[in-house]
Amino acid sequence: MGRLRFEVRQTYGRDRGPDELWASPQTFVLPAFECTLEEAGTWGLGFLRHPPRLSTGSPGVLQRVTVGAEEAKILAEFAVLTVEAERRDQLRAVSFHLDLESPVLWGLPFIGAEDSLQLTLAP
């Protein structure tokens, strides 16, 4: 769970506030497996826009976890920047502070090959 505080958000046109998504705390669901920054951004952005319903189930074996708490914060910041950059107001500069709770590791069920993973949870 994270809360954002924007210090600066400037555009080349009329300055508008940050995306309304940030008005309330958000759950950041980020990949903990090895992937490119672009892939992590795509996953993180998709989960921000369509958060999966998380509920505990039978414990499973995780094949590998390659992202630690520090990297998770960087990925969360990248997701925030992606949301703001995708808006149609020609972002010029942004500065924000992201307060994150301690990360929690969840194993989410995926199917497919590494280059075409699909989440099997309903959003």
C-alpha atoms as a PDB file:
ATOM      1  CA  MET A   1       0.000   0.000   0.000  1.00  0.00           C
ATOM      2  CA  GLY A   2       1.361   3.408  -0.885  1.00  0.00           C
ATOM      3  CA  ARG A   3       0.402   7.053  -0.684  1.00  0.00           C
ATOM      4  CA  LEU A   4       1.729   9.771  -2.983  1.00  0.00           C
ATOM      5  CA  ARG A   5       2.446  13.383  -2.222  1.00  0.00           C
ATOM      6  CA  PHE A   6       3.143  15.517  -5.285  1.00  0.00           C
ATOM      7  CA  GLU A   7       5.509  18.449  -4.847  1.00  0.00           C
ATOM      8  CA  VAL A   8       5.604  19.605  -8.486  1.00  0.00           C
ATOM      9  CA  ARG A   9       3.610  18.698 -11.582  1.00  0.00           C
ATOM     10  CA  GLN A  10       4.192  21.012 -14.545  1.00  0.00           C
ATOM     11  CA  THR A  11       3.046  20.675 -18.123  1.00  0.00           C
ATOM     12  CA  TYR A  12       3.769  22.558 -21.329  1.00  0.00           C
ATOM     13  CA  GLY A  13       0.156  23.707 -21.383  1.00  0.00           C
ATOM     14  CA  ARG A  14      -2.235  24.368 -18.564  1.00  0.00           C
ATOM     15  CA  ASP A  15      -0.970  22.774 -15.347  1.00  0.00           C
ATOM     16  CA  ARG A  16      -3.333  20.190 -13.942  1.00  0.00           C
ATOM     17  CA  GLY A  17      -3.113  18.244 -10.737  1.00  0.00           C
ATOM     18  CA  PRO A  18      -1.936  14.654 -10.564  1.00  0.00           C
ATOM     19  CA  ASP A  19      -4.129  11.793 -11.750  1.00  0.00           C
ATOM     20  CA  GLU A  20      -7.151  11.268  -9.492  1.00  0.00           C
ATOM     21  CA  LEU A  21      -5.907   7.714  -8.895  1.00  0.00           C
ATOM     22  CA  TRP A  22      -3.490   9.173  -6.326  1.00  0.00           C
ATOM     23  CA  ALA A  23      -6.230  10.822  -4.217  1.00  0.00           C
ATOM     24  CA  SER A  24      -6.389   7.655  -2.128  1.00  0.00           C
ATOM     25  CA  PRO A  25      -3.764   5.086  -1.088  1.00  0.00           C
ATOM     26  CA  GLN A  26      -2.985   2.504  -3.769  1.00  0.00           C
ATOM     27  CA  THR A  27      -1.886  -1.101  -3.612  1.00  0.00           C
ATOM     28  CA  PHE A  28       1.184  -1.581  -5.792  1.00  0.00           C
ATOM     29  CA  VAL A  29       1.355  -5.112  -7.210  1.00  0.00           C
ATOM     30  CA  LEU A  30       4.766  -5.488  -8.828  1.00  0.00           C
ATOM     31  CA  PRO A  31       6.628  -8.418 -10.367  1.00  0.00           C
ATOM     32  CA  ALA A  32       9.251  -9.977  -8.090  1.00  0.00           C
ATOM     33  CA  PHE A  33      10.689 -12.045 -10.933  1.00  0.00           C
ATOM     34  CA  GLU A  34      13.390 -10.999 -13.355  1.00  0.00           C
ATOM     35  CA  CYS A  35      12.076  -8.842 -16.191  1.00  0.00           C
ATOM     36  CA  THR A  36      12.934  -5.632 -18.009  1.00  0.00           C
ATOM     37  CA  LEU A  37      11.989  -2.250 -16.582  1.00  0.00           C
ATOM     38  CA  GLU A  38       9.452  -1.845 -19.382  1.00  0.00           C
ATOM     39  CA  GLU A  39       7.857  -5.217 -18.586  1.00  0.00           C
ATOM     40  CA  ALA A  40       7.776  -4.406 -14.876  1.00  0.00           C
ATOM     41  CA  GLY A  41       6.186  -1.057 -15.701  1.00  0.00           C
ATOM     42  CA  THR A  42       3.555  -2.725 -17.859  1.00  0.00           C
ATOM     43  CA  TRP A  43       2.710  -5.251 -15.129  1.00  0.00           C
ATOM     44  CA  GLY A  44       2.710  -2.604 -12.393  1.00  0.00           C
ATOM     45  CA  LEU A  45       0.541  -0.212 -14.397  1.00  0.00           C
ATOM     46  CA  GLY A  46      -1.904  -2.971 -15.330  1.00  0.00           C
ATOM     47  CA  PHE A  47      -2.261  -4.016 -11.690  1.00  0.00           C
ATOM     48  CA  LEU A  48      -2.742  -0.389 -10.592  1.00  0.00           C
ATOM     49  CA  ARG A  49      -5.558   0.063 -13.072  1.00  0.00           C
ATOM     50  CA  HIS A  50      -7.074  -3.393 -12.514  1.00  0.00           C
ATOM     51  CA  PRO A  51      -5.976  -4.658  -9.083  1.00  0.00           C
ATOM     52  CA  PRO A  52      -6.268  -8.416  -8.611  1.00  0.00           C
ATOM     53  CA  ARG A  53      -8.322  -9.683  -5.695  1.00  0.00           C
ATOM     54  CA  LEU A  54      -5.776 -11.172  -3.352  1.00  0.00           C
ATOM     55  CA  SER A  55      -6.759 -13.918  -0.942  1.00  0.00           C
ATOM     56  CA  THR A  56      -4.666 -16.507   0.826  1.00  0.00           C
ATOM     57  CA  GLY A  57      -4.585 -20.025  -0.500  1.00  0.00           C
ATOM     58  CA  SER A  58      -2.449 -23.113  -0.217  1.00  0.00           C
ATOM     59  CA  PRO A  59       1.229 -22.252   0.080  1.00  0.00           C
ATOM     60  CA  GLY A  60       3.211 -23.002  -3.015  1.00  0.00           C
ATOM     61  CA  VAL A  61       6.839 -23.089  -3.996  1.00  0.00           C
ATOM     62  CA  LEU A  62       8.182 -19.926  -5.615  1.00  0.00           C
ATOM     63  CA  GLN A  63      10.637 -20.650  -8.392  1.00  0.00           C
ATOM     64  CA  ARG A  64      12.627 -17.465  -7.914  1.00  0.00           C
ATOM     65  CA  VAL A  65      12.324 -14.021  -6.429  1.00  0.00           C
ATOM     66  CA  THR A  66      14.790 -11.482  -7.782  1.00  0.00           C
ATOM     67  CA  VAL A  67      13.341  -8.144  -6.646  1.00  0.00           C
ATOM     68  CA  GLY A  68      14.025  -6.874  -3.143  1.00  0.00           C
ATOM     69  CA  ALA A  69      12.347  -4.082  -1.166  1.00  0.00           C
ATOM     70  CA  GLU A  70      14.579  -1.324  -2.601  1.00  0.00           C
ATOM     71  CA  GLU A  71      13.924  -2.427  -6.180  1.00  0.00           C
ATOM     72  CA  ALA A  72      10.196  -2.687  -5.431  1.00  0.00           C
ATOM     73  CA  LYS A  73      10.107   1.006  -4.491  1.00  0.00           C
ATOM     74  CA  ILE A  74      11.882   1.918  -7.733  1.00  0.00           C
ATOM     75  CA  LEU A  75       9.340  -0.125  -9.720  1.00  0.00           C
ATOM     76  CA  ALA A  76       6.457   1.552  -7.865  1.00  0.00           C
ATOM     77  CA  GLU A  77       7.925   4.984  -8.673  1.00  0.00           C
ATOM     78  CA  PHE A  78       8.266   3.938 -12.314  1.00  0.00           C
ATOM     79  CA  ALA A  79       4.570   2.966 -12.355  1.00  0.00           C
ATOM     80  CA  VAL A  80       3.641   6.404 -10.956  1.00  0.00           C
ATOM     81  CA  LEU A  81       5.746   8.149 -13.612  1.00  0.00           C
ATOM     82  CA  THR A  82       4.155   6.009 -16.314  1.00  0.00           C
ATOM     83  CA  VAL A  83       0.623   6.943 -15.194  1.00  0.00           C
ATOM     84  CA  GLU A  84       1.495  10.645 -15.175  1.00  0.00           C
ATOM     85  CA  ALA A  85       3.419  10.544 -18.472  1.00  0.00           C
ATOM     86  CA  GLU A  86       0.549   8.795 -20.297  1.00  0.00           C
ATOM     87  CA  ARG A  87      -1.840  11.668 -19.607  1.00  0.00           C
ATOM     88  CA  ARG A  88      -2.545  13.957 -22.546  1.00  0.00           C
ATOM     89  CA  ASP A  89      -1.351  17.176 -20.941  1.00  0.00           C
ATOM     90  CA  GLN A  90       2.296  17.067 -22.114  1.00  0.00           C
ATOM     91  CA  LEU A  91       4.111  16.532 -18.833  1.00  0.00           C
ATOM     92  CA  ARG A  92       7.153  18.765 -18.398  1.00  0.00           C
ATOM     93  CA  ALA A  93       8.299  18.047 -14.842  1.00  0.00           C
ATOM     94  CA  VAL A  94       7.113  16.042 -11.880  1.00  0.00           C
ATOM     95  CA  SER A  95       8.383  15.586  -8.361  1.00  0.00           C
ATOM     96  CA  PHE A  96       6.692  13.428  -5.760  1.00  0.00           C
ATOM     97  CA  HIS A  97       7.266  11.501  -2.583  1.00  0.00           C
ATOM     98  CA  LEU A  98       6.019   7.927  -2.331  1.00  0.00           C
ATOM     99  CA  ASP A  99       5.351   6.509   1.129  1.00  0.00           C
ATOM    100  CA  LEU A 100       5.162   2.714   0.959  1.00  0.00           C
ATOM    101  CA  GLU A 101       4.292   0.254   3.668  1.00  0.00           C
ATOM    102  CA  SER A 102       6.658  -2.678   4.088  1.00  0.00           C
ATOM    103  CA  PRO A 103       6.401  -4.931   1.036  1.00  0.00           C
ATOM    104  CA  VAL A 104       4.492  -8.192   1.260  1.00  0.00           C
ATOM    105  CA  LEU A 105       5.343 -11.058  -1.078  1.00  0.00           C
ATOM    106  CA  TRP A 106       2.381 -12.777  -2.758  1.00  0.00           C
ATOM    107  CA  GLY A 107       2.673 -15.641  -5.210  1.00  0.00           C
ATOM    108  CA  LEU A 108       0.240 -15.062  -8.082  1.00  0.00           C
ATOM    109  CA  PRO A 109      -0.687 -17.882 -10.464  1.00  0.00           C
ATOM    110  CA  PHE A 110       0.456 -17.355 -14.047  1.00  0.00           C
ATOM    111  CA  ILE A 111       0.270 -19.591 -17.086  1.00  0.00           C
ATOM    112  CA  GLY A 112       2.306 -19.512 -20.266  1.00  0.00           C
ATOM    113  CA  ALA A 113       5.931 -19.130 -21.205  1.00  0.00           C
ATOM    114  CA  GLU A 114       8.149 -16.450 -19.668  1.00  0.00           C
ATOM    115  CA  ASP A 115       7.646 -14.128 -22.637  1.00  0.00           C
ATOM    116  CA  SER A 116       3.841 -14.490 -22.656  1.00  0.00           C
ATOM    117  CA  LEU A 117       2.708 -14.847 -19.045  1.00  0.00           C
ATOM    118  CA  GLN A 118      -0.985 -14.490 -18.276  1.00  0.00           C
ATOM    119  CA  LEU A 119      -2.395 -14.017 -14.797  1.00  0.00           C
ATOM    120  CA  THR A 120      -5.036 -16.610 -13.933  1.00  0.00           C
ATOM    121  CA  LEU A 121      -6.773 -14.533 -11.223  1.00  0.00           C
ATOM    122  CA  ALA A 122      -9.927 -12.578 -11.962  1.00  0.00           C
ATOM    123  CA  PRO A 123      -9.449  -8.797 -11.495  1.00  0.00           C
END
